[in-house]
Amino acid sequence: MRIARFTEGDDPAYGLVDGTGQKIAEITGDPLVTRIELTGRTLKVEDVRLLAPVIPRSKVIGVRSNYADHAAEMGKDVPAEPGLFLVPNTAVVGPGDPVVIPPETSEVSYEGELAVVIGRMCKDVAEEDVRKVVLGYTIANDVTARDLQRTDGQWARAKGFDTFCPLGPWIETELDPQDCAIRTTVDGEVRQDGHSSDMVHGVAAVIAYASRAFTLLPGDVILTGTPAGVGPITAGQRCEIEIDQIGTLSNPFVAKD
C-alpha cells in the first residue's frame, strides 16, 4: 500500500496510490491517527500536488556512516554502533519542492537514503518487534552543508536548514527494507548506485537502537544512511533519488534570494 499526502490547492489530504503511480484514491483523515477509509474520490496524481508524505510530529533521526563505502569516501571509520543525530522537522519538504541553498554555505551535498516512518509510539523496541511499530518507508535526501559540518563540530546547522530534508513521493507500507536498490542522479548523471543490504547496521537494528535513546512517536522519521557517491550539488541542478519498490524523489536546488 502506498500512502500519499497531497493538495488540490486547499488543505492537505491523504490518499492511496495505485501500483502504476498514476491514480490516487482519497481517504478520510490522517492514517497515523485514524483508520484508513476511502472517501470514494479518485484523482490523477498528475492533477494534484504531492506533499511530503509525513511531517514528523517531533523529530527526524539520522544515522551517520551506515555504509562502509560511504564511511571510507569520507575518511571515517565504520562505527561499532549506529551514530545518531537529529534534524528539525522544519527541514522537511516534499517531492518537487526546491531545496534552498542559503548564503552561509558554499558546499552543499546530496545524500540519497531509505527512510523509515514510525507508525506508533514506542520505546525500547526489540529488533524482532520493529515491524509492529513501522508504518512504512519513503525516500529522503539528507542534504548537507559539508563546509559547515566540518567547521561547526556538530551537524545541527549543516543538516537542519529549512528545505534540507526532502521526503517522498509517498509511504510504501509493504517493503523489505534490506532488499532495496538506491540510485541517485544529478541532472541525469548517476552519482550513487547502492543497495540497502550493504548497511553496516540493518534497519531493524537502527530502529531498536534509536528507540533505546528516544521515545519514538507516530510520524517520526529515521534516515538510515547513504551509500557511497555523495558529492556537491549547486543551484540550478536537480537531484533524483530512486528506490525500487517505492519510486522517485525529485527536487531542484535553488539559491536563496
Protein backbone atom coordinates (compact mmCIF):
# COMPACT_ATOMS: atom_id res chain seq x y z
CA MET A 1 0.00 0.00 0.00
CA ARG A 2 1.25 3.46 -0.94
CA ILE A 3 0.09 6.33 1.26
CA ALA A 4 0.44 9.84 -0.18
CA ARG A 5 -0.24 13.30 1.17
CA PHE A 6 -1.43 15.80 -1.40
CA THR A 7 -3.26 19.05 -2.05
CA GLU A 8 -5.54 20.35 -4.75
CA GLY A 9 -4.83 23.88 -3.56
CA ASP A 10 -6.68 23.72 -0.26
CA ASP A 11 -5.96 21.79 2.95
CA PRO A 12 -3.76 18.68 2.62
CA ALA A 13 -5.47 15.33 2.20
CA TYR A 14 -4.29 11.72 2.14
CA GLY A 15 -4.80 9.01 -0.41
CA LEU A 16 -3.75 5.57 -1.60
CA VAL A 17 -1.69 5.50 -4.80
CA ASP A 18 -2.22 2.65 -7.23
CA GLY A 19 0.52 0.35 -8.47
CA THR A 20 1.13 2.43 -11.59
CA GLY A 21 1.68 5.61 -9.58
CA GLN A 22 -0.91 7.38 -11.74
CA LYS A 23 -4.09 7.40 -9.63
CA ILE A 24 -4.79 8.31 -6.05
CA ALA A 25 -7.86 7.28 -4.05
CA GLU A 26 -8.64 9.80 -1.34
CA ILE A 27 -9.00 8.55 2.24
CA THR A 28 -10.52 10.15 5.32
CA GLY A 29 -8.34 11.78 7.97
CA ASP A 30 -4.71 11.12 8.81
CA PRO A 31 -3.64 7.45 8.58
CA LEU A 32 -1.30 7.94 11.54
CA VAL A 33 -4.23 8.57 13.86
CA THR A 34 -7.37 7.23 12.15
CA ARG A 35 -8.44 4.06 10.40
CA ILE A 36 -7.96 4.15 6.62
CA GLU A 37 -11.32 4.55 4.88
CA LEU A 38 -11.89 5.56 1.26
CA THR A 39 -14.00 8.65 0.51
CA GLY A 40 -14.93 7.40 -2.96
CA ARG A 41 -12.98 10.10 -4.79
CA THR A 42 -10.24 9.08 -7.22
CA LEU A 43 -7.87 11.59 -8.78
CA LYS A 44 -4.97 11.54 -11.19
CA VAL A 45 -1.62 12.03 -9.49
CA GLU A 46 -0.65 14.47 -12.24
CA ASP A 47 -3.62 16.67 -11.28
CA VAL A 48 -2.59 17.13 -7.62
CA ARG A 49 0.49 18.40 -5.86
CA LEU A 50 2.22 15.72 -3.84
CA LEU A 51 3.44 16.91 -0.44
CA ALA A 52 5.92 15.38 1.98
CA PRO A 53 4.07 12.16 2.90
CA VAL A 54 4.58 12.92 6.58
CA ILE A 55 5.56 15.93 8.66
CA PRO A 56 7.34 14.38 11.65
CA ARG A 57 5.45 15.06 14.88
CA SER A 58 8.64 15.54 16.86
CA LYS A 59 11.87 14.59 15.08
CA VAL A 60 13.88 13.25 12.20
CA ILE A 61 16.67 10.92 13.31
CA GLY A 62 19.71 10.43 11.09
CA VAL A 63 22.33 7.68 11.12
CA ARG A 64 25.90 8.55 10.16
CA SER A 65 28.35 6.35 8.25
CA ASN A 66 25.97 3.40 7.95
CA TYR A 67 27.53 2.20 4.68
CA ALA A 68 31.18 1.15 4.78
CA ASP A 69 31.88 2.55 1.30
CA HIS A 70 30.49 5.95 2.29
CA ALA A 71 32.48 5.96 5.53
CA ALA A 72 35.61 5.21 3.50
CA GLU A 73 34.98 8.02 1.00
CA MET A 74 34.56 10.45 3.90
CA GLY A 75 37.74 9.22 5.58
CA LYS A 76 35.87 7.89 8.62
CA ASP A 77 35.86 4.59 10.46
CA VAL A 78 32.78 2.40 10.48
CA PRO A 79 31.10 2.95 13.87
CA ALA A 80 30.64 -0.05 16.14
CA GLU A 81 27.17 1.29 16.99
CA PRO A 82 24.84 3.50 14.94
CA GLY A 83 25.85 7.15 15.23
CA LEU A 84 22.65 9.16 15.66
CA PHE A 85 21.90 12.84 15.02
CA LEU A 86 18.71 14.91 14.94
CA VAL A 87 17.26 17.05 12.15
CA PRO A 88 14.44 19.55 12.88
CA ASN A 89 11.08 18.79 11.31
CA THR A 90 11.15 22.30 9.77
CA ALA A 91 13.77 20.96 7.32
CA VAL A 92 11.18 18.67 5.70
CA VAL A 93 9.79 19.46 2.23
CA GLY A 94 8.08 17.31 -0.36
CA PRO A 95 8.68 15.98 -3.86
CA GLY A 96 9.27 18.72 -6.41
CA ASP A 97 9.84 21.36 -3.75
CA PRO A 98 13.03 23.41 -4.17
CA VAL A 99 15.94 22.85 -1.83
CA VAL A 100 17.09 26.37 -0.98
CA ILE A 101 20.84 26.83 -0.63
CA PRO A 102 21.49 29.53 1.99
CA PRO A 103 24.35 32.05 1.70
CA GLU A 104 26.02 30.60 4.80
CA THR A 105 27.33 27.63 2.81
CA SER A 106 29.29 27.17 -0.39
CA GLU A 107 29.49 23.37 -0.35
CA VAL A 108 26.18 21.53 -0.37
CA SER A 109 25.92 17.77 -0.91
CA TYR A 110 23.06 15.40 -1.72
CA GLU A 111 22.63 12.10 0.16
CA GLY A 112 20.07 9.58 -1.11
CA GLU A 113 18.59 7.48 1.69
CA LEU A 114 15.90 4.99 2.61
CA ALA A 115 13.72 6.50 5.35
CA VAL A 116 11.56 4.76 7.96
CA VAL A 117 8.23 6.25 9.07
CA ILE A 118 7.22 5.25 12.60
CA GLY A 119 3.55 4.31 13.00
CA ARG A 120 3.05 4.06 16.76
CA MET A 121 4.59 5.36 19.96
CA CYS A 122 7.27 3.02 21.24
CA LYS A 123 10.31 2.74 23.49
CA ASP A 124 12.97 0.07 23.91
CA VAL A 125 11.76 -1.95 20.93
CA ALA A 126 13.36 -5.35 20.34
CA GLU A 127 14.72 -5.95 16.83
CA GLU A 128 12.27 -8.78 16.25
CA ASP A 129 9.37 -6.44 17.05
CA VAL A 130 10.23 -3.44 14.88
CA ARG A 131 7.69 -4.35 12.18
CA LYS A 132 4.95 -3.68 14.72
CA VAL A 133 5.97 -0.03 15.06
CA VAL A 134 6.74 0.85 11.43
CA LEU A 135 4.08 2.43 9.23
CA GLY A 136 6.24 2.18 6.12
CA TYR A 137 9.16 3.54 4.14
CA THR A 138 9.84 6.52 1.94
CA ILE A 139 12.78 8.24 0.22
CA ALA A 140 14.88 11.00 1.77
CA ASN A 141 17.57 13.38 0.60
CA ASP A 142 19.73 14.14 3.64
CA VAL A 143 21.07 17.41 2.24
CA THR A 144 24.23 18.58 3.98
CA ALA A 145 26.21 21.81 4.09
CA ARG A 146 29.52 19.99 4.06
CA ASP A 147 31.67 23.03 4.93
CA LEU A 148 29.54 23.82 7.99
CA GLN A 149 29.58 20.17 9.01
CA ARG A 150 33.37 20.41 9.21
CA THR A 151 33.62 23.77 10.94
CA ASP A 152 30.72 23.60 13.41
CA GLY A 153 31.89 20.42 15.12
CA GLN A 154 28.30 19.13 15.20
CA TRP A 155 25.70 18.64 12.50
CA ALA A 156 22.56 20.51 13.57
CA ARG A 157 23.06 23.52 11.29
CA ALA A 158 24.73 21.64 8.44
CA LYS A 159 21.76 19.28 8.05
CA GLY A 160 18.98 21.36 9.58
CA PHE A 161 18.44 24.33 7.28
CA ASP A 162 14.87 24.78 6.07
CA THR A 163 14.22 22.56 2.99
CA PHE A 164 17.28 20.34 3.67
CA CYS A 165 15.24 17.15 4.20
CA PRO A 166 13.06 16.32 1.17
CA LEU A 167 10.80 13.29 1.69
CA GLY A 168 8.57 11.43 -0.75
CA PRO A 169 6.93 10.71 -3.01
CA TRP A 170 4.78 8.54 -0.70
CA ILE A 171 5.00 5.92 2.04
CA GLU A 172 5.27 2.28 0.94
CA THR A 173 3.92 0.01 3.69
CA GLU A 174 4.90 -3.32 2.08
CA LEU A 175 8.65 -3.40 1.65
CA ASP A 176 11.66 -5.46 2.62
CA PRO A 177 13.98 -2.63 3.74
CA GLN A 178 17.09 -4.76 3.32
CA ASP A 179 16.36 -5.53 -0.33
CA CYS A 180 16.28 -2.10 -1.98
CA ALA A 181 18.48 -0.63 -4.69
CA ILE A 182 19.21 3.07 -4.09
CA ARG A 183 20.16 5.19 -7.09
CA THR A 184 20.85 8.94 -7.12
CA THR A 185 21.26 11.10 -10.19
CA VAL A 186 22.12 14.78 -10.61
CA ASP A 187 20.85 16.24 -13.88
CA GLY A 188 20.51 12.67 -15.15
CA GLU A 189 24.07 11.60 -14.27
CA VAL A 190 24.31 8.63 -11.90
CA ARG A 191 26.13 9.60 -8.71
CA GLN A 192 25.07 6.90 -6.24
CA ASP A 193 24.27 3.27 -7.01
CA GLY A 194 24.00 1.29 -3.80
CA HIS A 195 21.86 -1.27 -2.01
CA SER A 196 20.27 -1.31 1.42
CA SER A 197 21.72 -4.77 2.07
CA ASP A 198 25.11 -3.06 2.36
CA MET A 199 24.15 -1.20 5.53
CA VAL A 200 26.55 -1.71 8.43
CA HIS A 201 23.62 -1.72 10.85
CA GLY A 202 20.40 -3.04 9.36
CA VAL A 203 17.11 -1.19 9.52
CA ALA A 204 15.74 -3.27 12.40
CA ALA A 205 18.92 -2.72 14.41
CA VAL A 206 18.81 1.03 13.77
CA ILE A 207 15.18 1.34 14.87
CA ALA A 208 15.76 -0.71 18.01
CA TYR A 209 18.89 1.28 18.86
CA ALA A 210 17.18 4.64 18.34
CA SER A 211 14.22 3.57 20.48
CA ARG A 212 16.55 2.94 23.40
CA ALA A 213 17.63 6.58 23.29
CA PHE A 214 14.37 8.29 22.30
CA THR A 215 10.70 7.60 22.66
CA LEU A 216 9.59 7.25 19.04
CA LEU A 217 6.29 8.90 18.15
CA PRO A 218 3.91 8.30 15.25
CA GLY A 219 5.24 10.21 12.25
CA ASP A 220 8.85 10.29 13.40
CA VAL A 221 11.26 9.59 10.55
CA ILE A 222 14.55 7.71 10.68
CA LEU A 223 17.08 8.25 7.88
CA THR A 224 19.06 5.02 7.56
CA GLY A 225 22.29 6.30 5.99
CA THR A 226 23.62 6.85 2.49
CA PRO A 227 25.76 4.74 0.13
CA ALA A 228 28.98 5.98 -1.44
CA GLY A 229 28.88 8.60 -4.16
CA VAL A 230 27.79 11.69 -2.24
CA GLY A 231 29.03 14.90 -3.74
CA PRO A 232 28.38 18.56 -4.43
CA ILE A 233 25.26 20.00 -5.97
CA THR A 234 24.68 23.62 -6.91
CA ALA A 235 21.79 25.96 -7.64
CA GLY A 236 20.15 25.16 -10.95
CA GLN A 237 20.69 21.41 -10.70
CA ARG A 238 18.12 18.71 -9.97
CA CYS A 239 18.64 15.65 -7.78
CA GLU A 240 16.58 12.49 -8.25
CA ILE A 241 16.70 9.55 -5.85
CA GLU A 242 15.13 6.27 -6.92
CA ILE A 243 14.49 3.35 -4.60
CA ASP A 244 13.00 0.30 -6.20
CA GLN A 245 9.59 -0.72 -4.86
CA ILE A 246 8.98 2.86 -3.71
CA GLY A 247 9.51 5.35 -6.55
CA THR A 248 11.49 8.51 -7.24
CA LEU A 249 12.04 11.65 -5.18
CA SER A 250 12.99 14.63 -7.36
CA ASN A 251 13.93 18.13 -6.18
CA PRO A 252 15.52 21.17 -7.81
CA PHE A 253 18.21 23.12 -5.96
CA VAL A 254 18.00 26.91 -5.95
CA ALA A 255 19.93 29.79 -4.37
CA LYS A 256 18.25 31.80 -1.64
CA ASP A 257 17.17 35.23 -2.89
